[in-house]
C-alpha atoms as a PDB file:
ATOM      1  CA  UNK A   1      -6.168 -26.258  70.631  1.00  0.00           C
ATOM      2  CA  UNK A   2      -8.158 -24.440  67.997  1.00  0.00           C
ATOM      3  CA  UNK A   3     -10.086 -25.662  64.925  1.00  0.00           C
ATOM      4  CA  UNK A   4      -8.221 -24.548  61.802  1.00  0.00           C
ATOM      5  CA  UNK A   5     -10.639 -25.699  59.144  1.00  0.00           C
ATOM      6  CA  UNK A   6     -12.913 -28.475  58.001  1.00  0.00           C
ATOM      7  CA  UNK A   7     -12.720 -30.825  55.071  1.00  0.00           C
ATOM      8  CA  UNK A   8     -14.929 -30.651  53.206  1.00  0.00           C
ATOM      9  CA  UNK A   9     -15.677 -27.080  53.847  1.00  0.00           C
ATOM     10  CA  UNK A  10     -18.816 -26.513  55.910  1.00  0.00           C
ATOM     11  CA  UNK A  11     -19.453 -22.659  56.266  1.00  0.00           C
ATOM     12  CA  UNK A  12     -22.502 -23.042  58.572  1.00  0.00           C
ATOM     13  CA  UNK A  13     -20.825 -25.220  61.185  1.00  0.00           C
ATOM     14  CA  UNK A  14     -20.439 -24.064  64.800  1.00  0.00           C
ATOM     15  CA  UNK A  15     -17.885 -25.775  67.037  1.00  0.00           C
ATOM     16  CA  UNK A  16     -18.155 -25.698  70.794  1.00  0.00           C
ATOM     17  CA  UNK A  17     -14.510 -26.521  71.414  1.00  0.00           C
ATOM     18  CA  UNK A  18     -13.761 -28.105  74.749  1.00  0.00           C
ATOM     19  CA  UNK A  19     -10.604 -29.968  73.610  1.00  0.00           C
ATOM     20  CA  UNK A  20      -7.507 -29.905  75.815  1.00  0.00           C
ATOM     21  CA  UNK A  21      -3.868 -30.787  75.001  1.00  0.00           C
ATOM     22  CA  UNK A  22      -2.894 -34.219  76.073  1.00  0.00           C
ATOM     23  CA  UNK A  23       0.488 -35.868  76.687  1.00  0.00           C
ATOM     24  CA  UNK A  24       2.826 -36.227  73.736  1.00  0.00           C
ATOM     25  CA  UNK A  25       2.169 -39.344  71.658  1.00  0.00           C
ATOM     26  CA  UNK A  26      -1.218 -39.791  73.434  1.00  0.00           C
ATOM     27  CA  UNK A  27      -2.981 -40.122  70.227  1.00  0.00           C
ATOM     28  CA  UNK A  28      -6.479 -38.865  69.070  1.00  0.00           C
ATOM     29  CA  UNK A  29      -8.727 -38.898  72.216  1.00  0.00           C
ATOM     30  CA  UNK A  30     -10.990 -36.130  70.685  1.00  0.00           C
ATOM     31  CA  UNK A  31     -14.683 -36.888  70.073  1.00  0.00           C
ATOM     32  CA  UNK A  32     -17.106 -34.865  67.980  1.00  0.00           C
ATOM     33  CA  UNK A  33     -20.686 -34.853  69.044  1.00  0.00           C
ATOM     34  CA  UNK A  34     -23.736 -33.598  67.269  1.00  0.00           C
ATOM     35  CA  UNK A  35     -27.278 -34.443  66.079  1.00  0.00           C
ATOM     36  CA  UNK A  36     -28.057 -35.130  62.430  1.00  0.00           C
ATOM     37  CA  UNK A  37     -29.045 -32.017  60.508  1.00  0.00           C
ATOM     38  CA  UNK A  38     -27.811 -29.645  63.361  1.00  0.00           C
ATOM     39  CA  UNK A  39     -24.772 -27.594  62.553  1.00  0.00           C
ATOM     40  CA  UNK A  40     -23.564 -27.337  66.150  1.00  0.00           C
ATOM     41  CA  UNK A  41     -20.871 -29.803  67.014  1.00  0.00           C
ATOM     42  CA  UNK A  42     -19.230 -30.334  70.432  1.00  0.00           C
ATOM     43  CA  UNK A  43     -15.518 -31.215  70.503  1.00  0.00           C
ATOM     44  CA  UNK A  44     -14.398 -32.900  73.697  1.00  0.00           C
ATOM     45  CA  UNK A  45     -11.332 -34.764  74.817  1.00  0.00           C
ATOM     46  CA  UNK A  46      -7.679 -34.406  74.140  1.00  0.00           C
ATOM     47  CA  UNK A  47      -5.198 -34.374  71.299  1.00  0.00           C
ATOM     48  CA  UNK A  48      -1.460 -34.777  71.766  1.00  0.00           C
ATOM     49  CA  UNK A  49       0.644 -31.554  72.467  1.00  0.00           C
ATOM     50  CA  UNK A  50       3.457 -30.670  70.393  1.00  0.00           C
ATOM     51  CA  UNK A  51       2.430 -32.378  67.093  1.00  0.00           C
ATOM     52  CA  UNK A  52       1.359 -29.271  65.146  1.00  0.00           C
ATOM     53  CA  UNK A  53      -1.758 -29.611  62.977  1.00  0.00           C
ATOM     54  CA  UNK A  54      -3.732 -32.660  64.115  1.00  0.00           C
ATOM     55  CA  UNK A  55      -6.637 -34.235  62.171  1.00  0.00           C
ATOM     56  CA  UNK A  56      -9.764 -35.251  63.965  1.00  0.00           C
ATOM     57  CA  UNK A  57     -12.580 -36.959  62.057  1.00  0.00           C
ATOM     58  CA  UNK A  58     -16.304 -36.430  62.705  1.00  0.00           C
ATOM     59  CA  UNK A  59     -19.645 -36.771  61.038  1.00  0.00           C
ATOM     60  CA  UNK A  60     -21.084 -34.258  58.529  1.00  0.00           C
ATOM     61  CA  UNK A  61     -24.356 -32.647  59.775  1.00  0.00           C
ATOM     62  CA  UNK A  62     -26.179 -32.970  56.460  1.00  0.00           C
ATOM     63  CA  UNK A  63     -24.252 -34.996  53.942  1.00  0.00           C
ATOM     64  CA  UNK A  64     -26.815 -34.278  51.104  1.00  0.00           C
ATOM     65  CA  UNK A  65     -26.546 -30.602  51.632  1.00  0.00           C
ATOM     66  CA  UNK A  66     -22.784 -30.674  51.744  1.00  0.00           C
ATOM     67  CA  UNK A  67     -22.744 -32.611  48.418  1.00  0.00           C
ATOM     68  CA  UNK A  68     -25.075 -30.066  46.880  1.00  0.00           C
ATOM     69  CA  UNK A  69     -23.013 -27.103  48.092  1.00  0.00           C
ATOM     70  CA  UNK A  70     -19.783 -28.620  46.778  1.00  0.00           C
ATOM     71  CA  UNK A  71     -21.345 -29.407  43.453  1.00  0.00           C
ATOM     72  CA  UNK A  72     -22.557 -25.895  43.071  1.00  0.00           C
ATOM     73  CA  UNK A  73     -19.171 -24.516  44.035  1.00  0.00           C
ATOM     74  CA  UNK A  74     -17.457 -26.729  41.455  1.00  0.00           C
ATOM     75  CA  UNK A  75     -19.946 -25.780  38.729  1.00  0.00           C
ATOM     76  CA  UNK A  76     -19.485 -22.040  39.470  1.00  0.00           C
ATOM     77  CA  UNK A  77     -15.704 -22.440  39.592  1.00  0.00           C
ATOM     78  CA  UNK A  78     -15.954 -23.894  36.003  1.00  0.00           C
ATOM     79  CA  UNK A  79     -18.053 -21.031  34.662  1.00  0.00           C
ATOM     80  CA  UNK A  80     -21.498 -22.589  35.023  1.00  0.00           C
ATOM     81  CA  UNK A  81     -23.862 -20.063  36.543  1.00  0.00           C
ATOM     82  CA  UNK A  82     -26.457 -21.636  38.837  1.00  0.00           C
ATOM     83  CA  UNK A  83     -28.266 -18.594  40.114  1.00  0.00           C
ATOM     84  CA  UNK A  84     -29.769 -20.662  43.053  1.00  0.00           C
ATOM     85  CA  UNK A  85     -28.624 -21.762  46.536  1.00  0.00           C
ATOM     86  CA  UNK A  86     -27.683 -25.347  47.339  1.00  0.00           C
ATOM     87  CA  UNK A  87     -30.545 -27.342  48.974  1.00  0.00           C
ATOM     88  CA  UNK A  88     -31.799 -30.808  49.583  1.00  0.00           C
ATOM     89  CA  UNK A  89     -35.108 -32.582  48.947  1.00  0.00           C
ATOM     90  CA  UNK A  90     -35.707 -32.616  52.732  1.00  0.00           C
ATOM     91  CA  UNK A  91     -35.410 -28.833  52.857  1.00  0.00           C
ATOM     92  CA  UNK A  92     -37.420 -28.359  49.655  1.00  0.00           C
ATOM     93  CA  UNK A  93     -40.256 -30.606  50.996  1.00  0.00           C
ATOM     94  CA  UNK A  94     -40.176 -28.676  54.297  1.00  0.00           C
ATOM     95  CA  UNK A  95     -40.503 -25.347  52.525  1.00  0.00           C
ATOM     96  CA  UNK A  96     -43.041 -26.507  49.918  1.00  0.00           C
ATOM     97  CA  UNK A  97     -45.383 -27.995  52.515  1.00  0.00           C
ATOM     98  CA  UNK A  98     -47.689 -29.635  49.927  1.00  0.00           C
ATOM     99  CA  UNK A  99     -47.076 -27.243  47.031  1.00  0.00           C
ATOM    100  CA  UNK A 100     -45.983 -28.411  43.562  1.00  0.00           C
ATOM    101  CA  UNK A 101     -42.591 -29.969  43.546  1.00  0.00           C
ATOM    102  CA  UNK A 102     -39.764 -27.688  42.282  1.00  0.00           C
ATOM    103  CA  UNK A 103     -37.210 -30.558  41.564  1.00  0.00           C
ATOM    104  CA  UNK A 104     -36.176 -32.192  38.298  1.00  0.00           C
ATOM    105  CA  UNK A 105     -34.423 -35.508  37.896  1.00  0.00           C
ATOM    106  CA  UNK A 106     -30.982 -34.834  36.412  1.00  0.00           C
ATOM    107  CA  UNK A 107     -29.783 -38.419  35.984  1.00  0.00           C
ATOM    108  CA  UNK A 108     -31.069 -41.887  36.807  1.00  0.00           C
ATOM    109  CA  UNK A 109     -29.011 -45.081  36.472  1.00  0.00           C
ATOM    110  CA  UNK A 110     -30.223 -48.688  36.844  1.00  0.00           C
ATOM    111  CA  UNK A 111     -27.520 -51.027  37.811  1.00  0.00           C
ATOM    112  CA  UNK A 112     -27.283 -54.639  36.743  1.00  0.00           C
ATOM    113  CA  UNK A 113     -29.030 -57.139  39.091  1.00  0.00           C
ATOM    114  CA  UNK A 114     -26.826 -58.128  42.047  1.00  0.00           C
ATOM    115  CA  UNK A 115     -25.988 -61.851  42.247  1.00  0.00           C
ATOM    116  CA  UNK A 116     -25.470 -63.509  45.581  1.00  0.00           C
ATOM    117  CA  UNK A 117     -23.867 -66.913  45.035  1.00  0.00           C
ATOM    118  CA  UNK A 118     -24.611 -68.227  48.575  1.00  0.00           C
ATOM    119  CA  UNK A 119     -28.244 -67.072  48.121  1.00  0.00           C
ATOM    120  CA  UNK A 120     -28.864 -69.371  45.139  1.00  0.00           C
END
């Protein structure tokens, strides 16, 4: 079986697909393996034959980057020009290596205190 697409879209992901077709009605026996922040994912196991498109769930390599990329795509599709590439604080800190920070706080929200009845 081939990988058709991912949701959300992850353009940098590389799948090493070792999935085989299993018996009809055998269910999802496919597993997605990969290390955090690495865009290579191994697909192993089986999915049932004859069911057409089949959804397999797995982890996102870098959720913060995926969120930033989706936000930039949404902004640009609504006419907001960004002129930059999506990134994360981890990547900025790695590239800056001690230089002055390039980030700005866009929004900060303080929630009400949480109350735990059994804790009182």
